[in-house]
Protein backbone atom coordinates (compact mmCIF):
# COMPACT_ATOMS: atom_id res chain seq x y z
CA MET A 1 -182.50 174.11 -73.26
CA PRO A 2 -179.74 174.11 -75.91
CA GLU A 3 -180.62 172.46 -79.22
CA GLN A 4 -177.72 169.97 -78.93
CA ILE A 5 -179.06 168.64 -75.62
CA LEU A 6 -182.54 168.24 -77.10
CA TYR A 7 -181.03 166.32 -80.00
CA GLU A 8 -179.11 164.02 -77.69
CA MET A 9 -182.27 163.32 -75.67
CA ALA A 10 -183.89 161.96 -78.86
CA THR A 11 -181.21 159.27 -79.15
CA GLN A 12 -182.57 155.81 -78.42
CA ALA A 13 -180.78 152.50 -78.00
CA LYS A 14 -182.29 149.58 -79.92
CA GLU A 15 -181.21 146.02 -80.53
CA VAL A 16 -182.36 145.83 -84.15
CA VAL A 17 -183.52 148.51 -86.59
CA ILE A 18 -185.26 147.41 -89.79
CA VAL A 19 -185.52 150.03 -92.53
CA GLY A 20 -188.55 149.43 -94.73
CA ALA A 21 -192.02 147.98 -94.11
CA GLY A 22 -192.51 146.21 -97.41
CA PRO A 23 -192.77 142.41 -97.58
CA SER A 24 -189.07 142.05 -96.60
CA GLY A 25 -189.29 144.25 -93.51
CA LEU A 26 -192.55 142.65 -92.39
CA ALA A 27 -191.16 139.13 -92.87
CA ILE A 28 -188.05 139.89 -90.80
CA SER A 29 -190.12 141.55 -88.08
CA ALA A 30 -192.34 138.46 -87.79
CA CYS A 31 -189.33 136.13 -87.61
CA LEU A 32 -187.65 138.28 -84.93
CA LYS A 33 -190.87 138.51 -82.95
CA LEU A 34 -191.19 134.73 -82.84
CA LEU A 35 -187.63 134.66 -81.47
CA SER A 36 -188.51 137.34 -78.87
CA ILE A 37 -185.83 139.70 -80.20
CA PRO A 38 -186.78 143.38 -79.69
CA HIS A 39 -186.70 145.56 -82.80
CA ILE A 40 -188.32 148.47 -84.61
CA ILE A 41 -189.28 149.10 -88.24
CA LEU A 42 -188.79 152.56 -89.75
CA GLU A 43 -190.92 153.22 -92.84
CA ARG A 44 -190.85 156.48 -94.80
CA GLU A 45 -194.39 156.07 -96.21
CA ASP A 46 -197.63 156.23 -94.22
CA CYS A 47 -198.44 152.54 -94.69
CA SER A 48 -196.81 149.14 -95.08
CA ALA A 49 -196.24 147.64 -98.55
CA SER A 50 -196.54 151.08 -100.19
CA LEU A 51 -195.25 149.78 -103.53
CA TRP A 52 -198.22 147.42 -103.75
CA LYS A 53 -200.74 149.89 -102.35
CA LYS A 54 -199.66 153.11 -104.07
CA ARG A 55 -197.43 152.39 -107.06
CA ALA A 56 -198.94 149.31 -108.70
CA TYR A 57 -201.17 149.46 -111.78
CA ASP A 58 -204.77 148.29 -111.45
CA ARG A 59 -204.55 144.98 -113.30
CA LEU A 60 -201.33 143.82 -111.64
CA ASN A 61 -201.60 140.28 -110.32
CA ILE A 62 -199.07 137.76 -109.03
CA HIS A 63 -198.34 135.28 -111.78
CA LEU A 64 -196.45 132.74 -109.70
CA ALA A 65 -198.42 130.07 -107.89
CA LYS A 66 -199.35 130.83 -104.27
CA GLN A 67 -196.92 128.28 -102.82
CA PHE A 68 -194.06 130.46 -104.07
CA CYS A 69 -195.57 133.75 -102.86
CA HIS A 70 -195.98 133.73 -99.10
CA LEU A 71 -193.97 135.11 -96.20
CA PRO A 72 -192.48 133.03 -93.34
CA HIS A 73 -194.80 131.23 -90.92
CA MET A 74 -198.02 132.14 -92.76
CA PRO A 75 -198.77 130.20 -95.96
CA HIS A 76 -201.87 131.01 -97.97
CA PRO A 77 -204.86 128.90 -96.90
CA PRO A 78 -206.02 126.01 -99.12
CA THR A 79 -209.06 128.01 -100.23
CA THR A 80 -206.86 130.70 -101.80
CA PRO A 81 -206.80 130.59 -105.63
CA THR A 82 -203.60 129.25 -107.14
CA PHE A 83 -202.83 132.61 -108.71
CA ILE A 84 -203.37 135.62 -106.45
CA THR A 85 -204.72 139.05 -107.39
CA LYS A 86 -203.04 142.27 -106.27
CA ASN A 87 -205.86 143.08 -103.85
CA HIS A 88 -205.76 139.58 -102.39
CA PHE A 89 -202.02 139.91 -101.77
CA ILE A 90 -202.46 143.34 -100.17
CA ASN A 91 -205.07 141.82 -97.85
CA TYR A 92 -202.66 138.99 -97.10
CA LEU A 93 -199.95 141.50 -96.09
CA ASP A 94 -202.38 143.45 -93.90
CA ASN A 95 -203.44 140.19 -92.23
CA TYR A 96 -199.76 139.32 -91.77
CA VAL A 97 -199.22 142.58 -89.89
CA SER A 98 -202.28 141.92 -87.71
CA HIS A 99 -201.54 138.25 -87.10
CA PHE A 100 -198.00 138.87 -85.84
CA ARG A 101 -198.94 142.20 -84.23
CA LEU A 102 -196.26 144.08 -86.11
CA SER A 103 -195.87 147.79 -85.41
CA PRO A 104 -194.00 149.72 -88.12
CA MET A 105 -193.19 153.35 -87.33
CA TYR A 106 -194.64 155.15 -90.34
CA CYS A 107 -193.51 158.45 -91.89
CA TRP A 108 -189.92 158.08 -90.66
CA SER A 109 -187.35 158.49 -93.43
CA VAL A 110 -183.84 157.29 -92.64
CA GLU A 111 -181.40 160.03 -93.59
CA SER A 112 -178.15 158.24 -92.69
CA ALA A 113 -176.81 155.11 -91.03
CA THR A 114 -173.15 154.99 -89.97
CA PHE A 115 -171.26 152.37 -88.00
CA ASP A 116 -169.48 153.66 -84.89
CA GLU A 117 -166.32 151.63 -84.32
CA THR A 118 -166.02 152.92 -80.74
CA THR A 119 -169.41 151.75 -79.53
CA GLY A 120 -169.82 148.87 -81.97
CA THR A 121 -173.27 150.12 -82.97
CA TRP A 122 -175.03 151.71 -85.91
CA ARG A 123 -175.97 155.38 -85.60
CA ILE A 124 -179.21 155.83 -87.50
CA VAL A 125 -180.69 159.28 -88.08
CA ALA A 126 -184.36 159.40 -89.12
CA LYS A 127 -186.61 162.33 -90.00
CA ASN A 128 -190.37 162.47 -89.63
CA THR A 129 -191.84 163.31 -93.04
CA ASN A 130 -194.80 165.12 -91.46
CA SER A 131 -193.25 167.14 -88.64
CA SER A 132 -189.57 167.24 -89.73
CA GLU A 133 -188.70 165.98 -86.24
CA VAL A 134 -185.36 164.18 -86.12
CA GLU A 135 -184.56 161.13 -84.01
CA GLU A 136 -181.37 159.16 -83.61
CA TYR A 137 -181.10 155.44 -82.88
CA ASN A 138 -178.10 153.37 -81.84
CA ALA A 139 -178.57 149.76 -82.89
CA ARG A 140 -176.47 146.61 -82.68
CA PHE A 141 -178.02 145.27 -85.87
CA LEU A 142 -179.20 147.18 -88.97
CA ILE A 143 -181.31 145.60 -91.71
CA VAL A 144 -181.76 147.22 -95.12
CA ALA A 145 -185.23 146.12 -96.25
CA THR A 146 -186.07 148.94 -98.65
CA GLY A 147 -186.15 146.55 -101.61
CA GLU A 148 -185.04 146.64 -105.21
CA ASN A 149 -187.83 149.02 -106.23
CA SER A 150 -187.09 152.15 -104.22
CA LYS A 151 -187.04 154.66 -107.07
CA GLY A 152 -188.33 154.48 -110.62
CA PHE A 153 -185.66 154.74 -113.30
CA ILE A 154 -186.13 156.59 -116.61
CA PRO A 155 -183.14 156.48 -118.97
CA ASP A 156 -181.63 159.65 -120.38
CA VAL A 157 -183.07 159.59 -123.90
CA PRO A 158 -181.83 162.49 -126.06
CA GLY A 159 -184.65 164.96 -126.67
CA LEU A 160 -187.01 163.47 -124.10
CA TYR A 161 -187.20 166.74 -122.15
CA ALA A 162 -188.80 168.41 -125.19
CA PHE A 163 -191.37 165.66 -125.89
CA SER A 164 -194.73 167.34 -126.31
CA GLY A 165 -196.76 164.38 -125.03
CA GLU A 166 -197.07 162.68 -121.66
CA VAL A 167 -194.06 160.92 -120.10
CA LEU A 168 -194.39 158.70 -117.05
CA HIS A 169 -192.74 155.80 -115.27
CA SER A 170 -194.64 152.53 -114.90
CA SER A 171 -194.96 153.20 -111.14
CA GLU A 172 -197.25 156.13 -112.05
CA TYR A 173 -199.39 154.13 -114.48
CA LYS A 174 -202.76 152.91 -113.21
CA SER A 175 -204.96 151.97 -116.15
CA GLY A 176 -205.32 152.26 -119.91
CA LYS A 177 -208.77 153.84 -119.63
CA LYS A 178 -207.64 157.36 -120.46
CA TYR A 179 -205.54 156.25 -123.44
CA ASN A 180 -208.35 155.02 -125.67
CA ASP A 181 -207.53 155.76 -129.33
CA LYS A 182 -204.22 157.39 -128.36
CA SER A 183 -200.80 156.29 -129.61
CA VAL A 184 -198.77 155.02 -126.67
CA LEU A 185 -195.21 153.71 -126.58
CA VAL A 186 -194.13 151.36 -123.80
CA VAL A 187 -190.36 151.27 -123.31
CA GLY A 188 -189.30 148.07 -121.56
CA SER A 189 -190.19 144.46 -122.23
CA GLY A 190 -190.06 142.98 -118.75
CA ASN A 191 -193.19 141.70 -117.05
CA SER A 192 -194.46 145.19 -116.18
CA GLY A 193 -193.91 146.58 -119.67
CA MET A 194 -195.54 143.64 -121.41
CA GLU A 195 -198.53 143.66 -119.07
CA ILE A 196 -199.00 147.42 -119.38
CA ALA A 197 -198.89 147.07 -123.18
CA PHE A 198 -201.61 144.41 -122.92
CA ASP A 199 -203.71 146.65 -120.67
CA LEU A 200 -203.38 149.60 -123.05
CA ALA A 201 -204.40 147.49 -126.04
CA ASN A 202 -207.42 146.20 -124.12
CA TYR A 203 -208.57 149.79 -123.65
CA GLY A 204 -208.21 150.62 -127.32
CA ALA A 205 -204.88 152.40 -127.30
CA LYS A 206 -202.67 152.20 -130.38
CA THR A 207 -199.93 150.40 -128.54
CA SER A 208 -196.26 149.87 -129.35
CA VAL A 209 -193.63 148.23 -127.16
CA VAL A 210 -189.85 148.46 -127.40
CA ILE A 211 -188.18 145.03 -127.27
CA ARG A 212 -184.47 145.41 -127.77
CA SER A 213 -183.09 142.29 -126.02
CA PRO A 214 -183.74 138.56 -126.38
CA LEU A 215 -186.31 137.25 -123.93
CA HIS A 216 -188.14 134.11 -122.88
CA VAL A 217 -191.93 134.14 -122.90
CA LEU A 218 -193.73 131.53 -120.79
CA SER A 219 -197.30 131.10 -119.62
CA ARG A 220 -197.83 131.12 -115.87
CA GLU A 221 -198.82 127.45 -116.04
CA ILE A 222 -195.50 126.59 -117.72
CA VAL A 223 -193.64 128.59 -115.06
CA GLN A 224 -195.50 126.78 -112.28
CA LEU A 225 -194.69 123.41 -113.85
CA GLY A 226 -191.03 124.38 -114.27
CA MET A 227 -190.66 125.56 -110.66
CA THR A 228 -192.21 122.33 -109.45
CA MET A 229 -189.93 120.22 -111.65
CA LEU A 230 -186.85 122.01 -110.30
CA LYS A 231 -187.40 120.19 -107.02
CA TYR A 232 -186.75 116.86 -108.74
CA LEU A 233 -184.86 117.44 -111.99
CA PRO A 234 -181.61 119.18 -113.03
CA LEU A 235 -182.00 122.82 -114.08
CA SER A 236 -180.76 122.11 -117.62
CA MET A 237 -183.41 119.44 -118.12
CA VAL A 238 -186.16 121.71 -116.81
CA ASP A 239 -185.03 124.51 -119.12
CA SER A 240 -185.17 122.16 -122.11
CA LEU A 241 -188.65 120.97 -121.22
CA VAL A 242 -190.16 124.41 -120.59
CA SER A 243 -188.52 125.82 -123.74
CA MET A 244 -190.11 123.03 -125.75
CA LEU A 245 -193.52 123.74 -124.19
CA ALA A 246 -193.11 127.46 -124.92
CA LYS A 247 -192.37 126.75 -128.58
CA LEU A 248 -195.43 124.52 -128.82
CA THR A 249 -197.53 127.26 -127.23
CA TYR A 250 -196.25 130.32 -129.09
CA GLY A 251 -194.48 128.99 -132.17
CA ASP A 252 -191.65 130.95 -133.77
CA MET A 253 -191.83 134.47 -132.34
CA SER A 254 -188.82 135.82 -134.24
CA LYS A 255 -191.06 136.91 -137.11
CA TYR A 256 -192.77 139.28 -134.68
CA GLY A 257 -189.51 140.83 -133.48
CA LEU A 258 -188.87 138.60 -130.47
CA CYS A 259 -185.71 136.53 -130.13
CA LYS A 260 -184.89 133.93 -127.51
CA PRO A 261 -181.72 134.08 -125.37
CA THR A 262 -179.11 131.36 -125.80
CA ASN A 263 -179.47 130.20 -122.19
CA GLY A 264 -182.64 128.80 -120.70
CA PRO A 265 -185.16 130.79 -118.62
CA PHE A 266 -184.43 129.23 -115.23
CA TYR A 267 -180.67 129.35 -115.80
CA LEU A 268 -180.91 133.08 -116.51
CA LYS A 269 -183.07 133.63 -113.44
CA ALA A 270 -180.62 131.74 -111.24
CA THR A 271 -177.47 133.41 -112.59
CA THR A 272 -178.60 136.95 -113.45
CA GLY A 273 -181.89 137.45 -111.63
CA ARG A 274 -183.60 138.19 -114.94
CA SER A 275 -187.09 136.69 -115.05
CA PRO A 276 -188.84 135.31 -118.12
CA VAL A 277 -191.85 137.26 -119.34
CA ILE A 278 -194.96 135.61 -117.95
CA ASP A 279 -197.56 136.06 -120.67
CA VAL A 280 -200.95 137.49 -119.67
CA GLY A 281 -202.27 137.71 -123.25
CA THR A 282 -199.72 140.12 -124.70
CA MET A 283 -198.39 137.58 -127.18
CA ASN A 284 -201.77 137.08 -128.85
CA LYS A 285 -202.08 140.83 -129.30
CA ILE A 286 -198.57 141.02 -130.79
CA MET A 287 -199.37 138.20 -133.20
CA SER A 288 -202.69 139.82 -134.18
CA GLY A 289 -201.00 143.18 -134.79
CA GLU A 290 -202.82 144.97 -131.96
CA ILE A 291 -199.44 145.61 -130.33
CA GLN A 292 -196.52 146.69 -132.52
CA VAL A 293 -192.99 145.60 -131.60
CA LEU A 294 -190.29 148.23 -132.15
CA PRO A 295 -186.48 148.14 -131.77
CA ALA A 296 -184.44 150.25 -129.33
CA LEU A 297 -185.51 153.87 -128.80
CA THR A 298 -182.60 156.17 -129.73
CA ARG A 299 -183.93 159.74 -129.45
CA ILE A 300 -186.98 162.01 -129.44
CA LYS A 301 -187.81 164.70 -131.99
CA GLY A 302 -190.80 166.74 -130.86
CA ASP A 303 -193.70 164.33 -130.60
CA GLU A 304 -191.91 161.68 -132.67
CA ALA A 305 -189.68 158.87 -131.45
CA VAL A 306 -186.69 157.68 -133.48
CA PHE A 307 -185.68 154.03 -133.26
CA ALA A 308 -182.60 151.94 -134.00
CA ASP A 309 -183.84 151.28 -137.55
CA GLU A 310 -184.02 155.11 -138.02
CA LYS A 311 -187.81 154.95 -138.48
CA LEU A 312 -189.94 157.65 -136.85
CA HIS A 313 -193.25 157.12 -135.07
CA GLN A 314 -195.54 159.68 -133.49
CA PHE A 315 -196.89 159.15 -129.96
CA ASP A 316 -199.21 160.87 -127.53
CA ALA A 317 -197.57 159.25 -124.49
CA ILE A 318 -194.46 157.30 -123.54
CA ILE A 319 -194.50 154.95 -120.56
CA PHE A 320 -191.12 153.83 -119.25
CA ALA A 321 -191.26 150.34 -117.75
CA THR A 322 -187.50 150.50 -117.33
CA GLY A 323 -187.23 149.26 -113.79
CA TYR A 324 -186.19 150.69 -110.48
CA ARG A 325 -183.06 151.49 -108.56
CA SER A 326 -182.22 150.74 -104.95
CA THR A 327 -181.57 153.94 -103.00
CA ALA A 328 -179.91 152.25 -100.02
CA LYS A 329 -176.47 153.68 -100.80
CA ASP A 330 -177.92 157.18 -100.42
CA TRP A 331 -178.14 156.67 -96.67
CA VAL A 332 -176.29 153.54 -95.49
CA LYS A 333 -172.54 153.99 -95.17
CA ASP A 334 -170.97 150.54 -95.01
CA GLU A 335 -167.73 151.20 -96.91
CA ASP A 336 -168.98 148.88 -99.66
CA TYR A 337 -168.71 145.73 -97.54
CA LEU A 338 -172.28 144.64 -98.34
CA LEU A 339 -173.73 146.89 -101.03
CA GLY A 340 -172.24 148.12 -104.27
CA GLN A 341 -172.72 151.62 -105.67
CA ASP A 342 -175.98 150.48 -107.30
CA GLY A 343 -177.39 149.67 -103.86
CA MET A 344 -177.45 145.94 -104.60
CA PRO A 345 -175.47 143.21 -102.79
CA LYS A 346 -171.86 142.75 -103.85
CA GLU A 347 -171.96 139.04 -103.09
CA ARG A 348 -174.05 136.70 -105.20
CA TYR A 349 -176.82 134.50 -103.88
CA PRO A 350 -176.82 132.70 -101.46
CA ASN A 351 -174.21 134.84 -99.65
CA HIS A 352 -175.72 138.22 -100.47
CA TRP A 353 -177.68 138.98 -97.30
CA LYS A 354 -174.96 139.39 -94.64
CA GLY A 355 -172.33 142.10 -94.34
CA LYS A 356 -170.04 143.17 -91.52
CA ASN A 357 -170.70 144.79 -88.15
CA GLY A 358 -174.27 143.54 -87.85
CA LEU A 359 -175.41 144.86 -91.24
CA TYR A 360 -177.87 142.83 -93.33
CA CYS A 361 -179.99 143.31 -96.44
CA ALA A 362 -183.19 141.55 -97.44
CA GLY A 363 -185.22 141.31 -100.62
CA LEU A 364 -182.30 142.12 -102.91
CA SER A 365 -181.63 138.65 -104.30
CA ARG A 366 -183.89 139.08 -107.37
CA ARG A 367 -185.65 135.86 -106.38
CA GLY A 368 -189.13 137.22 -105.73
CA LEU A 369 -191.16 136.58 -102.62
CA ALA A 370 -189.54 133.19 -102.10
CA GLY A 371 -186.19 134.99 -101.86
CA VAL A 372 -187.70 137.52 -99.44
CA ALA A 373 -188.87 134.72 -97.14
CA GLU A 374 -185.49 132.97 -97.32
CA ASP A 375 -183.59 136.18 -96.53
CA ALA A 376 -185.85 136.96 -93.58
CA GLN A 377 -185.37 133.60 -91.94
CA ASN A 378 -181.60 133.61 -92.54
CA ILE A 379 -181.21 137.09 -91.04
CA ALA A 380 -183.39 136.37 -88.01
CA ASP A 381 -181.54 133.12 -87.28
CA ASP A 382 -178.17 134.82 -87.61
CA ILE A 383 -179.19 137.67 -85.31
CA GLU A 384 -180.47 135.16 -82.76
CA ARG A 385 -177.08 133.40 -82.74
CA ASN A 386 -175.19 136.67 -82.29
CA PHE A 387 -177.78 138.05 -79.89
CA SER A 388 -177.52 135.00 -77.65
CA VAL A 389 -173.71 135.03 -77.63
CA SER A 390 -173.50 138.62 -76.46
CA GLU A 391 -176.23 138.40 -73.83
């Protein structure tokens, strides 16, 4: 039989295709299932929530209170601790899959998704990562649920290619055990970078962290209090209160190389998606000198790093906690109606999740698991309205 005919036989018509079986894809699938809307999930890895299961360091925990960290229709039970460990959250996600009887199709990597104006459907081409088999789906609705953290990003630092030590992205880091008594530089002062620096110092590494931008540092208890107060008080008032509590807790951090932004922590989160650093003990180690704060990294010379103050420091390893990039634009072709070239929504929250021609995105609002849950319910409700109209 000719190859073209075989290829056409693989084409399947579906109502909804969800790409990604992380928390976003699972949440949407559960919402659609409760609405009795048929759908499939295509996942390139061999498991759900692969970021949590395969690319998260050992000591990673969720530092927001449990009421802000659940998916739709399944809150954490009262017996669950207020702050959840990584393993507890992974178990929660596995139970979520079982409870709603979700059935992701694993090891299927979406190669392209193009809207067909003639048929009014999305043509989705997926490849099996084990067998290289190719299948094509035609779907009325397409949901991008591959998340913000598709691919680790390492900046182009001059001379990095010739660095004689170890270079890795934070997604490859597991534990500080093997770095005892080694000099390690952490580039990136977000939550991952600061927690990895703490973990390294705990294991006896000579730890340095690059902090080049102003940042807010809050304890998880202060964050929980602030998020609760936001239900009742104006954002500006909450920012003032939590900033005062942070100063009482940490004092003046500028003498250690940390500066505060002009705007408050919750204002920045709401307007830019940038989260405050939730302290897990890193600040005490900075204040005690166990962790050294360094300015921006400018270049590498052999096994030495050169910084913005032109000082040189020698390191055995450099860990880049410099974030991730969405790879959605590599395969979804929407003519920039929904996603920009960076793979993130063009529209700001709360209008970020819906595009044209039945295209949606979830988990790209930079609002954590609460944003994931909100996106999932919005998308499912919108599909139900459109699904019912066309039936």
